[in-house]
C-alpha atoms as a PDB file:
ATOM      1  CA  UNK A   1     -51.413 -32.437 -43.565  1.00  0.00           C
ATOM      2  CA  UNK A   2     -48.632 -34.843 -44.520  1.00  0.00           C
ATOM      3  CA  UNK A   3     -49.022 -33.919 -48.169  1.00  0.00           C
ATOM      4  CA  UNK A   4     -47.620 -30.458 -47.478  1.00  0.00           C
ATOM      5  CA  UNK A   5     -44.605 -31.938 -45.686  1.00  0.00           C
ATOM      6  CA  UNK A   6     -43.583 -34.346 -48.444  1.00  0.00           C
ATOM      7  CA  UNK A   7     -41.884 -31.909 -50.794  1.00  0.00           C
ATOM      8  CA  UNK A   8     -39.766 -30.129 -48.132  1.00  0.00           C
ATOM      9  CA  UNK A   9     -38.860 -33.474 -46.579  1.00  0.00           C
ATOM     10  CA  UNK A  10     -37.815 -34.887 -49.950  1.00  0.00           C
ATOM     11  CA  UNK A  11     -35.771 -31.746 -50.680  1.00  0.00           C
ATOM     12  CA  UNK A  12     -34.042 -32.015 -47.320  1.00  0.00           C
ATOM     13  CA  UNK A  13     -33.239 -35.693 -47.924  1.00  0.00           C
ATOM     14  CA  UNK A  14     -31.779 -34.920 -51.359  1.00  0.00           C
ATOM     15  CA  UNK A  15     -29.684 -32.089 -49.908  1.00  0.00           C
ATOM     16  CA  UNK A  16     -28.347 -34.336 -47.139  1.00  0.00           C
ATOM     17  CA  UNK A  17     -27.566 -37.071 -49.646  1.00  0.00           C
ATOM     18  CA  UNK A  18     -25.683 -34.573 -51.811  1.00  0.00           C
ATOM     19  CA  UNK A  19     -23.662 -33.394 -48.784  1.00  0.00           C
ATOM     20  CA  UNK A  20     -22.795 -36.985 -47.973  1.00  0.00           C
ATOM     21  CA  UNK A  21     -21.730 -37.670 -51.565  1.00  0.00           C
ATOM     22  CA  UNK A  22     -19.502 -34.591 -51.725  1.00  0.00           C
ATOM     23  CA  UNK A  23     -17.715 -35.481 -48.491  1.00  0.00           C
ATOM     24  CA  UNK A  24     -14.886 -33.415 -47.106  1.00  0.00           C
ATOM     25  CA  UNK A  25     -12.859 -36.375 -45.868  1.00  0.00           C
ATOM     26  CA  UNK A  26     -10.364 -38.262 -47.946  1.00  0.00           C
ATOM     27  CA  UNK A  27      -8.117 -41.180 -47.148  1.00  0.00           C
ATOM     28  CA  UNK A  28      -4.501 -40.836 -48.232  1.00  0.00           C
ATOM     29  CA  UNK A  29      -1.736 -43.407 -48.400  1.00  0.00           C
ATOM     30  CA  UNK A  30       1.474 -42.538 -46.599  1.00  0.00           C
ATOM     31  CA  UNK A  31       4.694 -44.476 -46.465  1.00  0.00           C
ATOM     32  CA  UNK A  32       4.776 -46.177 -43.081  1.00  0.00           C
ATOM     33  CA  UNK A  33       8.461 -45.816 -42.301  1.00  0.00           C
ATOM     34  CA  UNK A  34       8.489 -42.036 -42.769  1.00  0.00           C
ATOM     35  CA  UNK A  35       5.406 -41.568 -40.585  1.00  0.00           C
ATOM     36  CA  UNK A  36       6.244 -44.061 -37.861  1.00  0.00           C
ATOM     37  CA  UNK A  37       9.919 -43.095 -37.525  1.00  0.00           C
ATOM     38  CA  UNK A  38       9.428 -39.331 -37.593  1.00  0.00           C
ATOM     39  CA  UNK A  39       8.172 -39.073 -34.018  1.00  0.00           C
ATOM     40  CA  UNK A  40       4.556 -39.861 -34.746  1.00  0.00           C
ATOM     41  CA  UNK A  41       2.181 -37.535 -32.966  1.00  0.00           C
ATOM     42  CA  UNK A  42      -0.981 -38.808 -31.293  1.00  0.00           C
ATOM     43  CA  UNK A  43      -2.987 -36.575 -33.635  1.00  0.00           C
ATOM     44  CA  UNK A  44      -1.676 -38.391 -36.730  1.00  0.00           C
ATOM     45  CA  UNK A  45      -2.197 -41.844 -35.238  1.00  0.00           C
ATOM     46  CA  UNK A  46      -5.761 -40.945 -34.258  1.00  0.00           C
ATOM     47  CA  UNK A  47      -6.555 -40.650 -37.954  1.00  0.00           C
ATOM     48  CA  UNK A  48      -5.001 -43.930 -39.134  1.00  0.00           C
ATOM     49  CA  UNK A  49      -7.856 -46.036 -40.546  1.00  0.00           C
ATOM     50  CA  UNK A  50      -5.884 -48.971 -41.917  1.00  0.00           C
ATOM     51  CA  UNK A  51      -2.593 -50.348 -43.169  1.00  0.00           C
ATOM     52  CA  UNK A  52      -1.163 -52.196 -46.137  1.00  0.00           C
ATOM     53  CA  UNK A  53       1.303 -54.881 -45.162  1.00  0.00           C
ATOM     54  CA  UNK A  54       4.435 -55.723 -47.129  1.00  0.00           C
ATOM     55  CA  UNK A  55       2.825 -58.976 -48.284  1.00  0.00           C
ATOM     56  CA  UNK A  56       0.043 -56.940 -49.961  1.00  0.00           C
ATOM     57  CA  UNK A  57      -2.782 -57.497 -47.458  1.00  0.00           C
ATOM     58  CA  UNK A  58      -4.938 -54.514 -46.501  1.00  0.00           C
ATOM     59  CA  UNK A  59      -6.175 -54.310 -42.920  1.00  0.00           C
ATOM     60  CA  UNK A  60      -8.915 -51.815 -42.095  1.00  0.00           C
ATOM     61  CA  UNK A  61      -9.231 -50.749 -38.466  1.00  0.00           C
ATOM     62  CA  UNK A  62     -12.525 -50.327 -36.636  1.00  0.00           C
ATOM     63  CA  UNK A  63     -14.123 -46.894 -36.850  1.00  0.00           C
ATOM     64  CA  UNK A  64     -13.950 -44.768 -33.721  1.00  0.00           C
ATOM     65  CA  UNK A  65     -10.880 -46.583 -32.455  1.00  0.00           C
ATOM     66  CA  UNK A  66      -7.380 -45.281 -32.230  1.00  0.00           C
ATOM     67  CA  UNK A  67      -4.184 -46.828 -33.538  1.00  0.00           C
ATOM     68  CA  UNK A  68      -1.005 -46.336 -31.539  1.00  0.00           C
ATOM     69  CA  UNK A  69       2.575 -47.529 -31.514  1.00  0.00           C
ATOM     70  CA  UNK A  70       3.850 -49.443 -28.497  1.00  0.00           C
ATOM     71  CA  UNK A  71       7.480 -50.413 -28.850  1.00  0.00           C
ATOM     72  CA  UNK A  72       7.884 -51.900 -32.328  1.00  0.00           C
ATOM     73  CA  UNK A  73       4.211 -52.822 -32.696  1.00  0.00           C
ATOM     74  CA  UNK A  74       1.274 -50.935 -34.165  1.00  0.00           C
ATOM     75  CA  UNK A  75      -1.752 -51.570 -31.929  1.00  0.00           C
ATOM     76  CA  UNK A  76      -5.330 -51.210 -33.195  1.00  0.00           C
ATOM     77  CA  UNK A  77      -8.711 -52.963 -33.250  1.00  0.00           C
ATOM     78  CA  UNK A  78     -10.119 -55.073 -36.085  1.00  0.00           C
ATOM     79  CA  UNK A  79     -13.674 -56.398 -35.679  1.00  0.00           C
ATOM     80  CA  UNK A  80     -13.593 -55.377 -31.990  1.00  0.00           C
ATOM     81  CA  UNK A  81     -10.504 -57.510 -31.334  1.00  0.00           C
ATOM     82  CA  UNK A  82      -7.135 -55.973 -30.416  1.00  0.00           C
ATOM     83  CA  UNK A  83      -4.488 -56.552 -33.064  1.00  0.00           C
ATOM     84  CA  UNK A  84      -0.740 -56.016 -32.882  1.00  0.00           C
ATOM     85  CA  UNK A  85       1.141 -55.563 -36.149  1.00  0.00           C
ATOM     86  CA  UNK A  86       4.945 -55.344 -36.210  1.00  0.00           C
ATOM     87  CA  UNK A  87       5.985 -51.967 -37.587  1.00  0.00           C
ATOM     88  CA  UNK A  88       8.522 -53.704 -39.820  1.00  0.00           C
ATOM     89  CA  UNK A  89       5.645 -55.500 -41.636  1.00  0.00           C
ATOM     90  CA  UNK A  90       3.769 -52.277 -42.447  1.00  0.00           C
ATOM     91  CA  UNK A  91       4.290 -50.830 -45.924  1.00  0.00           C
ATOM     92  CA  UNK A  92       1.685 -48.022 -45.988  1.00  0.00           C
ATOM     93  CA  UNK A  93      -0.635 -46.294 -43.555  1.00  0.00           C
ATOM     94  CA  UNK A  94      -4.120 -45.171 -44.596  1.00  0.00           C
ATOM     95  CA  UNK A  95      -4.700 -41.756 -42.999  1.00  0.00           C
ATOM     96  CA  UNK A  96      -8.064 -39.972 -42.929  1.00  0.00           C
ATOM     97  CA  UNK A  97      -7.811 -36.223 -43.489  1.00  0.00           C
ATOM     98  CA  UNK A  98     -10.053 -33.269 -44.230  1.00  0.00           C
ATOM     99  CA  UNK A  99      -9.863 -31.789 -47.713  1.00  0.00           C
ATOM    100  CA  UNK A 100      -9.918 -28.041 -47.022  1.00  0.00           C
ATOM    101  CA  UNK A 101     -10.670 -27.097 -50.648  1.00  0.00           C
ATOM    102  CA  UNK A 102     -13.777 -29.283 -50.837  1.00  0.00           C
ATOM    103  CA  UNK A 103     -14.879 -28.075 -47.416  1.00  0.00           C
ATOM    104  CA  UNK A 104     -14.525 -24.425 -48.396  1.00  0.00           C
ATOM    105  CA  UNK A 105     -16.510 -24.875 -51.634  1.00  0.00           C
ATOM    106  CA  UNK A 106     -19.170 -26.848 -49.788  1.00  0.00           C
ATOM    107  CA  UNK A 107     -19.620 -24.133 -47.151  1.00  0.00           C
ATOM    108  CA  UNK A 108     -19.728 -21.442 -49.839  1.00  0.00           C
ATOM    109  CA  UNK A 109     -22.333 -23.411 -51.811  1.00  0.00           C
ATOM    110  CA  UNK A 110     -24.502 -23.877 -48.735  1.00  0.00           C
ATOM    111  CA  UNK A 111     -24.329 -20.163 -47.954  1.00  0.00           C
ATOM    112  CA  UNK A 112     -25.275 -19.185 -51.526  1.00  0.00           C
ATOM    113  CA  UNK A 113     -28.153 -21.696 -51.588  1.00  0.00           C
ATOM    114  CA  UNK A 114     -29.412 -20.424 -48.224  1.00  0.00           C
ATOM    115  CA  UNK A 115     -29.224 -16.832 -49.430  1.00  0.00           C
ATOM    116  CA  UNK A 116     -31.287 -17.625 -52.544  1.00  0.00           C
ATOM    117  CA  UNK A 117     -33.779 -19.720 -50.569  1.00  0.00           C
ATOM    118  CA  UNK A 118     -34.365 -16.874 -48.108  1.00  0.00           C
ATOM    119  CA  UNK A 119     -34.683 -14.410 -50.999  1.00  0.00           C
ATOM    120  CA  UNK A 120     -37.216 -16.641 -52.764  1.00  0.00           C
ATOM    121  CA  UNK A 121     -39.193 -17.060 -49.551  1.00  0.00           C
ATOM    122  CA  UNK A 122     -39.215 -13.304 -48.933  1.00  0.00           C
ATOM    123  CA  UNK A 123     -40.286 -12.628 -52.531  1.00  0.00           C
ATOM    124  CA  UNK A 124     -43.137 -15.127 -52.260  1.00  0.00           C
ATOM    125  CA  UNK A 125     -44.463 -13.374 -49.160  1.00  0.00           C
ATOM    126  CA  UNK A 126     -44.731  -9.990 -50.848  1.00  0.00           C
ATOM    127  CA  UNK A 127     -48.202  -8.971 -51.908  1.00  0.00           C
ATOM    128  CA  UNK A 128     -48.594  -6.904 -55.013  1.00  0.00           C
ATOM    129  CA  UNK A 129     -51.471  -4.516 -55.470  1.00  0.00           C
ATOM    130  CA  UNK A 130     -53.225  -4.972 -58.812  1.00  0.00           C
ATOM    131  CA  UNK A 131     -54.538  -1.622 -60.091  1.00  0.00           C
END
């Protein structure tokens, strides 16, 4: 019984791995002063995943946490500990965003693959009469 499930399971795993490799998210660098001084919205700060300081150090924030500005300090969490970084020390922000082009091609590819898979399944179910 498990022998019949191996091939579809392996195919599903390969497809999921390919989706993960393609990825629709990308992390972009943005100059800190332009982002932080231009009336930063909560939506932008929600996507900040790290910073580069003026001394060259990179600090990556914890996943599923939110960075915010309080006064002149950027507040975030690193290794589950709250961290306050002076805005004047921040050179670049690392912002996570969705790449709409990759996402569109990925959705189109999935739809085409699904269409062909359903067509192949339907064709395999047809019975032909042999004269």
